[in-house]
PDB file of all heavy atoms in Angstrom:
ATOM      1  N   LEU A   1      91.615  62.313 108.477  1.00  0.00           N
ATOM      2  CA  LEU A   1      92.657  61.340 108.791  1.00  0.00           C
ATOM      3  C   LEU A   1      92.473  60.754 110.190  1.00  0.00           C
ATOM      4  O   LEU A   1      92.047  61.444 111.130  1.00  0.00           O
ATOM      5  CB  LEU A   1      94.026  61.972 108.654  1.00  0.00           C
ATOM      6  CG  LEU A   1      94.511  62.092 107.207  1.00  0.00           C
ATOM      7  CD1 LEU A   1      95.625  63.119 107.061  1.00  0.00           C
ATOM      8  CD2 LEU A   1      94.975  60.732 106.693  1.00  0.00           C
ATOM      9  N   LYS A   2      92.804  59.479 110.313  1.00  0.00           N
ATOM     10  CA  LYS A   2      92.672  58.747 111.562  1.00  0.00           C
ATOM     11  C   LYS A   2      94.060  58.233 111.995  1.00  0.00           C
ATOM     12  O   LYS A   2      94.937  58.048 111.134  1.00  0.00           O
ATOM     13  CB  LYS A   2      91.743  57.551 111.360  1.00  0.00           C
ATOM     14  CG  LYS A   2      90.378  57.912 110.815  1.00  0.00           C
ATOM     15  CD  LYS A   2      89.572  56.646 110.512  1.00  0.00           C
ATOM     16  CE  LYS A   2      88.196  56.984 109.924  1.00  0.00           C
ATOM     17  NZ  LYS A   2      87.409  55.761 109.633  1.00  0.00           N
ATOM     18  N   PRO A   3      94.235  57.941 113.264  1.00  0.00           N
ATOM     19  CA  PRO A   3      95.501  57.388 113.709  1.00  0.00           C
ATOM     20  C   PRO A   3      95.902  56.107 112.941  1.00  0.00           C
ATOM     21  O   PRO A   3      97.090  55.887 112.699  1.00  0.00           O
ATOM     22  CB  PRO A   3      95.268  57.104 115.185  1.00  0.00           C
ATOM     23  CG  PRO A   3      94.265  58.131 115.586  1.00  0.00           C
ATOM     24  CD  PRO A   3      93.352  58.262 114.387  1.00  0.00           C
ATOM     25  N   GLU A   4      94.919  55.325 112.566  1.00  0.00           N
ATOM     26  CA  GLU A   4      95.222  54.088 111.836  1.00  0.00           C
ATOM     27  C   GLU A   4      95.676  54.340 110.407  1.00  0.00           C
ATOM     28  O   GLU A   4      96.068  53.396 109.707  1.00  0.00           O
ATOM     29  CB  GLU A   4      94.024  53.151 111.841  1.00  0.00           C
ATOM     30  CG  GLU A   4      92.713  53.765 111.403  1.00  0.00           C
ATOM     31  CD  GLU A   4      91.870  54.246 112.579  1.00  0.00           C
ATOM     32  OE1 GLU A   4      92.426  54.832 113.559  1.00  0.00           O
ATOM     33  OE2 GLU A   4      90.635  54.019 112.544  1.00  0.00           O
ATOM     34  N   ASP A   5      95.650  55.575 109.934  1.00  0.00           N
ATOM     35  CA  ASP A   5      96.218  55.916 108.628  1.00  0.00           C
ATOM     36  C   ASP A   5      97.725  56.131 108.704  1.00  0.00           C
ATOM     37  O   ASP A   5      98.372  56.297 107.677  1.00  0.00           O
ATOM     38  CB  ASP A   5      95.569  57.187 108.074  1.00  0.00           C
ATOM     39  CG  ASP A   5      94.098  57.019 107.758  1.00  0.00           C
ATOM     40  OD1 ASP A   5      93.734  55.966 107.179  1.00  0.00           O
ATOM     41  OD2 ASP A   5      93.309  57.920 108.066  1.00  0.00           O
ATOM     42  N   THR A   6      98.262  56.130 109.909  1.00  0.00           N
ATOM     43  CA  THR A   6      99.696  56.290 110.080  1.00  0.00           C
ATOM     44  C   THR A   6     100.458  55.159 109.399  1.00  0.00           C
ATOM     45  O   THR A   6     100.199  53.983 109.638  1.00  0.00           O
ATOM     46  CB  THR A   6     100.053  56.317 111.581  1.00  0.00           C
ATOM     47  OG1 THR A   6      99.461  57.479 112.183  1.00  0.00           O
ATOM     48  CG2 THR A   6     101.572  56.365 111.783  1.00  0.00           C
ATOM     49  N   ALA A   7     101.376  55.535 108.519  1.00  0.00           N
ATOM     50  CA  ALA A   7     102.139  54.554 107.747  1.00  0.00           C
ATOM     51  C   ALA A   7     103.152  55.286 106.871  1.00  0.00           C
ATOM     52  O   ALA A   7     103.110  56.517 106.748  1.00  0.00           O
ATOM     53  CB  ALA A   7     101.217  53.727 106.857  1.00  0.00           C
ATOM     54  N   VAL A   8     104.021  54.510 106.257  1.00  0.00           N
ATOM     55  CA  VAL A   8     104.833  55.043 105.161  1.00  0.00           C
ATOM     56  C   VAL A   8     104.042  54.830 103.887  1.00  0.00           C
ATOM     57  O   VAL A   8     103.578  53.713 103.610  1.00  0.00           O
ATOM     58  CB  VAL A   8     106.206  54.336 105.083  1.00  0.00           C
ATOM     59  CG1 VAL A   8     106.991  54.876 103.896  1.00  0.00           C
ATOM     60  CG2 VAL A   8     106.984  54.544 106.377  1.00  0.00           C
ATOM     61  N   TYR A   9     103.881  55.885 103.123  1.00  0.00           N
ATOM     62  CA  TYR A   9     103.111  55.827 101.892  1.00  0.00           C
ATOM     63  C   TYR A   9     104.058  55.789 100.689  1.00  0.00           C
ATOM     64  O   TYR A   9     104.994  56.592 100.595  1.00  0.00           O
ATOM     65  CB  TYR A   9     102.192  57.041 101.794  1.00  0.00           C
ATOM     66  CG  TYR A   9     100.978  56.924 102.687  1.00  0.00           C
ATOM     67  CD1 TYR A   9     101.093  57.001 104.074  1.00  0.00           C
ATOM     68  CD2 TYR A   9      99.715  56.722 102.152  1.00  0.00           C
ATOM     69  CE1 TYR A   9     100.010  56.851 104.902  1.00  0.00           C
ATOM     70  CE2 TYR A   9      98.598  56.588 102.988  1.00  0.00           C
ATOM     71  CZ  TYR A   9      98.756  56.650 104.341  1.00  0.00           C
ATOM     72  OH  TYR A   9      97.662  56.504 105.158  1.00  0.00           O
ATOM     73  N   TYR A  10     103.801  54.832  99.809  1.00  0.00           N
ATOM     74  CA  TYR A  10     104.646  54.606  98.652  1.00  0.00           C
ATOM     75  C   TYR A  10     103.866  54.838  97.357  1.00  0.00           C
ATOM     76  O   TYR A  10     102.726  54.386  97.220  1.00  0.00           O
ATOM     77  CB  TYR A  10     105.181  53.184  98.635  1.00  0.00           C
ATOM     78  CG  TYR A  10     106.083  52.831  99.784  1.00  0.00           C
ATOM     79  CD1 TYR A  10     105.563  52.290 100.958  1.00  0.00           C
ATOM     80  CD2 TYR A  10     107.463  53.038  99.701  1.00  0.00           C
ATOM     81  CE1 TYR A  10     106.383  51.948 102.023  1.00  0.00           C
ATOM     82  CE2 TYR A  10     108.300  52.700 100.766  1.00  0.00           C
ATOM     83  CZ  TYR A  10     107.760  52.165 101.912  1.00  0.00           C
ATOM     84  OH  TYR A  10     108.578  51.839 102.949  1.00  0.00           O
ATOM     85  N   CYS A  11     104.522  55.476  96.433  1.00  0.00           N
ATOM     86  CA  CYS A  11     103.975  55.629  95.089  1.00  0.00           C
ATOM     87  C   CYS A  11     104.486  54.465  94.233  1.00  0.00           C
ATOM     88  O   CYS A  11     105.649  54.039  94.365  1.00  0.00           O
ATOM     89  CB  CYS A  11     104.431  56.961  94.515  1.00  0.00           C
ATOM     90  SG  CYS A  11     103.758  57.342  92.886  1.00  0.00           S
ATOM     91  N   TYR A  12     103.609  53.950  93.374  1.00  0.00           N
ATOM     92  CA  TYR A  12     103.961  52.791  92.574  1.00  0.00           C
ATOM     93  C   TYR A  12     103.455  52.956  91.136  1.00  0.00           C
ATOM     94  O   TYR A  12     102.381  53.496  90.886  1.00  0.00           O
ATOM     95  CB  TYR A  12     103.335  51.523  93.165  1.00  0.00           C
ATOM     96  CG  TYR A  12     103.369  50.353  92.219  1.00  0.00           C
ATOM     97  CD1 TYR A  12     104.484  49.548  92.140  1.00  0.00           C
ATOM     98  CD2 TYR A  12     102.278  50.074  91.376  1.00  0.00           C
ATOM     99  CE1 TYR A  12     104.540  48.488  91.244  1.00  0.00           C
ATOM    100  CE2 TYR A  12     102.317  49.026  90.494  1.00  0.00           C
ATOM    101  CZ  TYR A  12     103.447  48.224  90.423  1.00  0.00           C
ATOM    102  OH  TYR A  12     103.508  47.193  89.544  1.00  0.00           O
ATOM    103  N   THR A  13     104.274  52.470  90.219  1.00  0.00           N
ATOM    104  CA  THR A  13     103.827  52.256  88.853  1.00  0.00           C
ATOM    105  C   THR A  13     104.564  51.046  88.311  1.00  0.00           C
ATOM    106  O   THR A  13     105.570  50.601  88.888  1.00  0.00           O
ATOM    107  CB  THR A  13     104.046  53.497  87.972  1.00  0.00           C
ATOM    108  OG1 THR A  13     103.422  53.275  86.702  1.00  0.00           O
ATOM    109  CG2 THR A  13     105.537  53.767  87.757  1.00  0.00           C
ATOM    110  N   GLY A  14     104.069  50.512  87.234  1.00  0.00           N
ATOM    111  CA  GLY A  14     104.703  49.305  86.712  1.00  0.00           C
ATOM    112  C   GLY A  14     104.248  48.963  85.322  1.00  0.00           C
ATOM    113  O   GLY A  14     103.189  49.393  84.877  1.00  0.00           O
ATOM    114  N   THR A  15     105.087  48.196  84.641  1.00  0.00           N
ATOM    115  CA  THR A  15     104.762  47.691  83.329  1.00  0.00           C
ATOM    116  C   THR A  15     104.486  46.198  83.462  1.00  0.00           C
ATOM    117  O   THR A  15     104.452  45.671  84.570  1.00  0.00           O
ATOM    118  CB  THR A  15     105.925  47.932  82.363  1.00  0.00           C
ATOM    119  OG1 THR A  15     107.021  47.091  82.756  1.00  0.00           O
ATOM    120  CG2 THR A  15     106.383  49.379  82.405  1.00  0.00           C
ATOM    121  N   SER A  16     104.365  45.515  82.356  1.00  0.00           N
ATOM    122  CA  SER A  16     104.143  44.069  82.393  1.00  0.00           C
ATOM    123  C   SER A  16     105.370  43.324  82.894  1.00  0.00           C
ATOM    124  O   SER A  16     105.269  42.159  83.298  1.00  0.00           O
ATOM    125  CB  SER A  16     103.770  43.576  81.010  1.00  0.00           C
ATOM    126  OG  SER A  16     104.795  43.898  80.071  1.00  0.00           O
ATOM    127  N   THR A  17     106.513  43.981  82.903  1.00  0.00           N
ATOM    128  CA  THR A  17     107.736  43.305  83.306  1.00  0.00           C
ATOM    129  C   THR A  17     108.463  43.944  84.471  1.00  0.00           C
ATOM    130  O   THR A  17     109.337  43.301  85.085  1.00  0.00           O
ATOM    131  CB  THR A  17     108.734  43.221  82.119  1.00  0.00           C
ATOM    132  OG1 THR A  17     108.993  44.554  81.651  1.00  0.00           O
ATOM    133  CG2 THR A  17     108.154  42.394  80.984  1.00  0.00           C
ATOM    134  N   ASP A  18     108.181  45.174  84.798  1.00  0.00           N
ATOM    135  CA  ASP A  18     108.946  45.882  85.819  1.00  0.00           C
ATOM    136  C   ASP A  18     108.037  46.634  86.777  1.00  0.00           C
ATOM    137  O   ASP A  18     106.987  47.154  86.374  1.00  0.00           O
ATOM    138  CB  ASP A  18     109.914  46.884  85.175  1.00  0.00           C
ATOM    139  CG  ASP A  18     110.940  46.200  84.306  1.00  0.00           C
ATOM    140  OD1 ASP A  18     111.792  45.458  84.860  1.00  0.00           O
ATOM    141  OD2 ASP A  18     110.893  46.386  83.072  1.00  0.00           O
ATOM    142  N   ASP A  19     108.469  46.694  88.028  1.00  0.00           N
ATOM    143  CA  ASP A  19     107.799  47.477  89.064  1.00  0.00           C
ATOM    144  C   ASP A  19     108.705  48.643  89.483  1.00  0.00           C
ATOM    145  O   ASP A  19     109.908  48.478  89.583  1.00  0.00           O
ATOM    146  CB  ASP A  19     107.521  46.617  90.311  1.00  0.00           C
ATOM    147  CG  ASP A  19     106.563  45.496  90.034  1.00  0.00           C
ATOM    148  OD1 ASP A  19     105.620  45.706  89.234  1.00  0.00           O
ATOM    149  OD2 ASP A  19     106.725  44.414  90.610  1.00  0.00           O
ATOM    150  N   TYR A  20     108.057  49.780  89.739  1.00  0.00           N
ATOM    151  CA  TYR A  20     108.815  50.973  90.156  1.00  0.00           C
ATOM    152  C   TYR A  20     108.163  51.559  91.396  1.00  0.00           C
ATOM    153  O   TYR A  20     106.974  51.850  91.396  1.00  0.00           O
ATOM    154  CB  TYR A  20     108.849  52.004  89.031  1.00  0.00           C
ATOM    155  CG  TYR A  20     109.447  51.496  87.753  1.00  0.00           C
ATOM    156  CD1 TYR A  20     108.639  51.050  86.707  1.00  0.00           C
ATOM    157  CD2 TYR A  20     110.820  51.418  87.605  1.00  0.00           C
ATOM    158  CE1 TYR A  20     109.179  50.573  85.533  1.00  0.00           C
ATOM    159  CE2 TYR A  20     111.384  50.927  86.417  1.00  0.00           C
ATOM    160  CZ  TYR A  20     110.558  50.505  85.399  1.00  0.00           C
ATOM    161  OH  TYR A  20     111.101  50.017  84.237  1.00  0.00           O
ATOM    162  N   TRP A  21     108.976  51.701  92.426  1.00  0.00           N
ATOM    163  CA  TRP A  21     108.502  52.235  93.703  1.00  0.00           C
ATOM    164  C   TRP A  21     109.274  53.503  94.066  1.00  0.00           C
ATOM    165  O   TRP A  21     110.456  53.629  93.801  1.00  0.00           O
ATOM    166  CB  TRP A  21     108.747  51.212  94.819  1.00  0.00           C
ATOM    167  CG  TRP A  21     107.951  49.965  94.705  1.00  0.00           C
ATOM    168  CD1 TRP A  21     108.304  48.808  94.089  1.00  0.00           C
ATOM    169  CD2 TRP A  21     106.649  49.720  95.233  1.00  0.00           C
ATOM    170  NE1 TRP A  21     107.316  47.866  94.191  1.00  0.00           N
ATOM    171  CE2 TRP A  21     106.287  48.405  94.897  1.00  0.00           C
ATOM    172  CE3 TRP A  21     105.745  50.518  95.971  1.00  0.00           C
ATOM    173  CZ2 TRP A  21     105.062  47.855  95.265  1.00  0.00           C
ATOM    174  CZ3 TRP A  21     104.527  49.943  96.336  1.00  0.00           C
ATOM    175  CH2 TRP A  21     104.201  48.638  95.981  1.00  0.00           C
ATOM    176  N   GLY A  22     108.566  54.421  94.708  1.00  0.00           N
ATOM    177  CA  GLY A  22     109.231  55.556  95.289  1.00  0.00           C
ATOM    178  C   GLY A  22     109.898  55.176  96.601  1.00  0.00           C
ATOM    179  O   GLY A  22     109.771  54.032  97.068  1.00  0.00           O
ATOM    180  N   GLN A  23     110.568  56.122  97.207  1.00  0.00           N
ATOM    181  CA  GLN A  23     111.301  55.843  98.452  1.00  0.00           C
ATOM    182  C   GLN A  23     110.392  55.851  99.669  1.00  0.00           C
ATOM    183  O   GLN A  23     110.780  55.385 100.741  1.00  0.00           O
ATOM    184  CB  GLN A  23     112.435  56.871  98.634  1.00  0.00           C
ATOM    185  CG  GLN A  23     111.986  58.230  99.172  1.00  0.00           C
ATOM    186  CD  GLN A  23     111.282  59.092  98.137  1.00  0.00           C
ATOM    187  OE1 GLN A  23     111.159  58.732  96.960  1.00  0.00           O
ATOM    188  NE2 GLN A  23     110.833  60.266  98.565  1.00  0.00           N
ATOM    189  N   GLY A  24     109.188  56.358  99.512  1.00  0.00           N
ATOM    190  CA  GLY A  24     108.236  56.398 100.625  1.00  0.00           C
ATOM    191  C   GLY A  24     108.258  57.718 101.356  1.00  0.00           C
ATOM    192  O   GLY A  24     109.285  58.378 101.442  1.00  0.00           O
ATOM    193  N   THR A  25     107.092  58.085 101.902  1.00  0.00           N
ATOM    194  CA  THR A  25     106.973  59.300 102.701  1.00  0.00           C
ATOM    195  C   THR A  25     106.133  58.981 103.927  1.00  0.00           C
ATOM    196  O   THR A  25     105.094  58.313 103.827  1.00  0.00           O
ATOM    197  CB  THR A  25     106.383  60.464 101.892  1.00  0.00           C
ATOM    198  OG1 THR A  25     106.400  61.649 102.670  1.00  0.00           O
ATOM    199  CG2 THR A  25     104.958  60.186 101.427  1.00  0.00           C
ATOM    200  N   GLN A  26     106.595  59.401 105.082  1.00  0.00           N
ATOM    201  CA  GLN A  26     105.932  59.074 106.336  1.00  0.00           C
ATOM    202  C   GLN A  26     104.742  59.979 106.582  1.00  0.00           C
ATOM    203  O   GLN A  26     104.851  61.217 106.476  1.00  0.00           O
ATOM    204  CB  GLN A  26     106.922  59.210 107.505  1.00  0.00           C
ATOM    205  CG  GLN A  26     106.321  58.958 108.877  1.00  0.00           C
ATOM    206  CD  GLN A  26     105.971  57.511 109.119  1.00  0.00           C
ATOM    207  OE1 GLN A  26     106.769  56.604 108.811  1.00  0.00           O
ATOM    208  NE2 GLN A  26     104.787  57.253 109.648  1.00  0.00           N
TER     209      GLN A  26
END
């Protein structure tokens, strides 16, 4: 890991009509 990897990381999945995101983890 590098300092530039610092971010909020989000999990995502989706269908053809809907997107689903997690709340994020720092």
